[in-house]
Amino acid sequence: MANVILVDSKDYPIGSMEKLKAHQKGELHRAYSVFLFNNENELLLQKRAADKYHSSELWSNTCCSHPEPGEHLTTSAQNRLVGEMGITTSLQSLFSFTYKTEFENGLIEHELDHVLIGKFNASPLPNPAEVSDWKYASLKEISNEIKLKPEQYTFWFKEIYKRVFKFILSN
């Protein structure tokens, strides 16, 4: 399993640790979340594969992961987009935020998450080891679904999707 970049609260690297161990100990580490929108301002969502070690079979943003030590954040995100969704597109940084949550299996996500956005108007070619389903959805559709079935979405997605849509819809 890959290593993650441990960071302080200002995103300064302070070391690295094996990814699962960092999630077991709840260490703050660098991550990213990618949001791809089509020309109708619909977000491309993915449903995480059943074999994910946390948040499996939950809907989330287009792609998310962690850069490895020495890896540029945007390059890592673009490579991960290809590996998870079969997508190549340019990305721009939007904002970053920190969150911490504990999962039922005892793992702790404590991440300084960089949110990246981009455009994509086609059907993805998802990797079934990473993604079990996908769909495009509007802010209204997503908000309604989260209101009715919040347990079907990842923690981090519920924390940030409105901020990302606010940016997209204002531009």
Protein backbone atom coordinates (compact mmCIF):
# COMPACT_ATOMS: atom_id res chain seq x y z
CA MET A 1 0.00 0.00 0.00
CA ALA A 2 1.18 3.54 -0.79
CA ASN A 3 2.47 6.14 1.62
CA VAL A 4 0.67 9.41 2.36
CA ILE A 5 2.21 12.78 3.14
CA LEU A 6 1.78 13.75 6.79
CA VAL A 7 1.22 17.51 7.15
CA ASP A 8 0.72 20.14 9.82
CA SER A 9 -2.38 22.37 9.90
CA LYS A 10 -0.82 24.70 7.30
CA ASP A 11 -0.16 21.81 4.86
CA TYR A 12 3.58 21.78 5.53
CA PRO A 13 4.96 18.23 5.06
CA ILE A 14 6.25 16.70 8.29
CA GLY A 15 6.80 13.11 7.17
CA SER A 16 5.13 10.17 5.51
CA MET A 17 3.34 7.02 6.64
CA GLU A 18 1.77 3.96 5.06
CA LYS A 19 -1.80 4.92 4.11
CA LEU A 20 -3.65 2.31 6.18
CA LYS A 21 -1.52 3.05 9.25
CA ALA A 22 -2.23 6.79 8.90
CA HIS A 23 -5.96 6.00 8.82
CA GLN A 24 -5.64 3.67 11.82
CA LYS A 25 -3.83 6.35 13.87
CA GLY A 26 -5.85 9.32 12.60
CA GLU A 27 -2.76 11.24 11.43
CA LEU A 28 -3.37 14.46 9.47
CA HIS A 29 -2.32 13.89 5.86
CA ARG A 30 -2.68 15.50 2.43
CA ALA A 31 -5.54 14.39 0.16
CA TYR A 32 -7.50 15.66 -2.81
CA SER A 33 -11.07 15.53 -4.07
CA VAL A 34 -11.82 16.02 -7.77
CA PHE A 35 -15.15 17.39 -9.01
CA LEU A 36 -15.81 17.21 -12.76
CA PHE A 37 -18.77 19.06 -14.26
CA ASN A 38 -20.40 18.79 -17.67
CA ASN A 39 -21.67 21.77 -19.70
CA GLU A 40 -25.02 21.61 -17.86
CA ASN A 41 -23.22 22.10 -14.50
CA GLU A 42 -24.01 18.54 -13.49
CA LEU A 43 -21.45 16.79 -11.34
CA LEU A 44 -20.01 13.43 -12.34
CA LEU A 45 -20.48 11.24 -9.25
CA GLN A 46 -18.97 7.85 -8.59
CA LYS A 47 -20.17 5.07 -6.34
CA ARG A 48 -17.16 3.61 -4.55
CA ALA A 49 -16.42 -0.07 -5.16
CA ALA A 50 -17.51 -2.70 -2.64
CA ASP A 51 -13.90 -3.64 -1.83
CA LYS A 52 -12.87 -0.17 -0.59
CA TYR A 53 -11.66 -0.39 3.00
CA HIS A 54 -13.94 2.44 4.08
CA SER A 55 -16.98 4.19 2.61
CA SER A 56 -17.56 1.33 0.16
CA GLU A 57 -20.68 1.45 -2.03
CA LEU A 58 -21.25 5.13 -1.14
CA TRP A 59 -21.73 7.93 -3.65
CA SER A 60 -19.02 10.56 -3.77
CA ASN A 61 -17.33 13.14 -5.97
CA THR A 62 -15.71 12.14 -9.25
CA CYS A 63 -12.42 10.97 -7.76
CA CYS A 64 -10.38 11.28 -4.57
CA SER A 65 -7.09 10.01 -3.21
CA HIS A 66 -3.74 11.04 -1.76
CA PRO A 67 -0.55 12.23 -3.45
CA GLU A 68 2.50 10.16 -2.55
CA PRO A 69 5.68 11.74 -1.17
CA GLY A 70 7.47 13.61 -3.95
CA GLU A 71 4.39 13.61 -6.19
CA HIS A 72 2.79 16.88 -7.34
CA LEU A 73 -0.81 17.16 -6.15
CA THR A 74 -2.43 17.99 -9.51
CA THR A 75 -0.37 15.38 -11.36
CA SER A 76 -1.43 12.78 -8.80
CA ALA A 77 -5.09 13.78 -9.21
CA GLN A 78 -4.90 13.63 -13.01
CA ASN A 79 -3.24 10.20 -12.87
CA ARG A 80 -5.86 8.96 -10.41
CA LEU A 81 -8.67 10.22 -12.67
CA VAL A 82 -7.27 8.04 -15.45
CA GLY A 83 -6.89 5.04 -13.11
CA GLU A 84 -10.34 5.30 -11.50
CA MET A 85 -12.54 6.81 -14.19
CA GLY A 86 -10.61 6.53 -17.47
CA ILE A 87 -10.69 10.33 -17.81
CA THR A 88 -8.05 12.79 -18.96
CA THR A 89 -8.80 16.48 -18.36
CA SER A 90 -7.20 19.59 -16.92
CA LEU A 91 -7.86 20.56 -13.30
CA GLN A 92 -7.78 23.75 -11.30
CA SER A 93 -7.42 24.14 -7.55
CA LEU A 94 -10.47 25.60 -5.82
CA PHE A 95 -9.86 25.49 -2.04
CA SER A 96 -8.66 23.21 0.73
CA PHE A 97 -10.16 22.26 4.09
CA THR A 98 -9.45 19.92 6.98
CA TYR A 99 -11.82 17.28 8.28
CA LYS A 100 -11.70 14.39 10.70
CA THR A 101 -14.17 11.55 11.02
CA GLU A 102 -14.15 8.03 12.45
CA PHE A 103 -15.66 5.12 10.56
CA GLU A 104 -17.52 2.09 11.91
CA ASN A 105 -14.50 -0.13 11.20
CA GLY A 106 -12.31 1.96 13.53
CA LEU A 107 -10.43 3.83 10.80
CA ILE A 108 -10.04 7.59 11.11
CA GLU A 109 -9.86 9.99 8.20
CA HIS A 110 -7.99 13.14 9.21
CA GLU A 111 -7.25 14.92 5.98
CA LEU A 112 -6.21 18.26 4.64
CA ASP A 113 -8.23 17.91 1.46
CA HIS A 114 -7.47 19.95 -1.68
CA VAL A 115 -10.54 20.39 -3.88
CA LEU A 116 -9.86 20.39 -7.62
CA ILE A 117 -12.39 21.03 -10.39
CA GLY A 118 -12.55 20.41 -14.12
CA LYS A 119 -14.83 19.88 -17.11
CA PHE A 120 -15.87 16.60 -18.69
CA ASN A 121 -18.81 15.94 -21.01
CA ALA A 122 -18.62 12.26 -21.91
CA SER A 123 -19.19 8.88 -20.29
CA PRO A 124 -16.31 7.73 -18.10
CA LEU A 125 -14.68 4.30 -18.37
CA PRO A 126 -14.56 3.39 -14.67
CA ASN A 127 -12.19 0.82 -13.20
CA PRO A 128 -14.49 -1.78 -11.51
CA ALA A 129 -11.92 -2.30 -8.74
CA GLU A 130 -12.43 1.36 -7.78
CA VAL A 131 -15.93 2.33 -8.94
CA SER A 132 -19.18 0.34 -8.95
CA ASP A 133 -21.40 2.94 -10.64
CA TRP A 134 -21.48 6.53 -11.88
CA LYS A 135 -23.95 9.25 -12.83
CA TYR A 136 -24.26 12.94 -13.60
CA ALA A 137 -26.45 14.93 -11.19
CA SER A 138 -27.43 18.54 -10.57
CA LEU A 139 -27.09 20.39 -7.27
CA LYS A 140 -30.85 20.07 -6.76
CA GLU A 141 -30.83 16.31 -7.38
CA ILE A 142 -27.87 15.75 -5.07
CA SER A 143 -29.27 17.97 -2.31
CA ASN A 144 -32.60 16.14 -2.44
CA GLU A 145 -30.94 12.72 -2.33
CA ILE A 146 -28.71 13.72 0.60
CA LYS A 147 -31.73 15.07 2.45
CA LEU A 148 -33.60 11.77 1.97
CA LYS A 149 -30.69 9.29 2.21
CA PRO A 150 -27.58 10.93 3.73
CA GLU A 151 -26.12 7.52 4.59
CA GLN A 152 -25.64 6.82 0.87
CA TYR A 153 -22.94 9.54 0.51
CA THR A 154 -19.38 9.83 1.79
CA PHE A 155 -18.68 12.06 4.76
CA TRP A 156 -16.29 14.36 2.92
CA PHE A 157 -18.62 14.81 -0.03
CA LYS A 158 -21.45 15.98 2.23
CA GLU A 159 -19.03 18.45 3.82
CA ILE A 160 -18.02 20.20 0.58
CA TYR A 161 -20.39 19.72 -2.35
CA LYS A 162 -22.44 22.89 -1.76
CA ARG A 163 -19.30 25.06 -1.69
CA VAL A 164 -18.10 23.57 -4.98
CA PHE A 165 -21.48 24.04 -6.69
CA LYS A 166 -21.65 27.62 -5.40
CA PHE A 167 -18.39 28.35 -7.22
CA ILE A 168 -19.45 26.59 -10.44
CA LEU A 169 -22.86 28.23 -10.59
CA SER A 170 -21.43 31.72 -9.93
CA ASN A 171 -19.01 31.47 -12.88
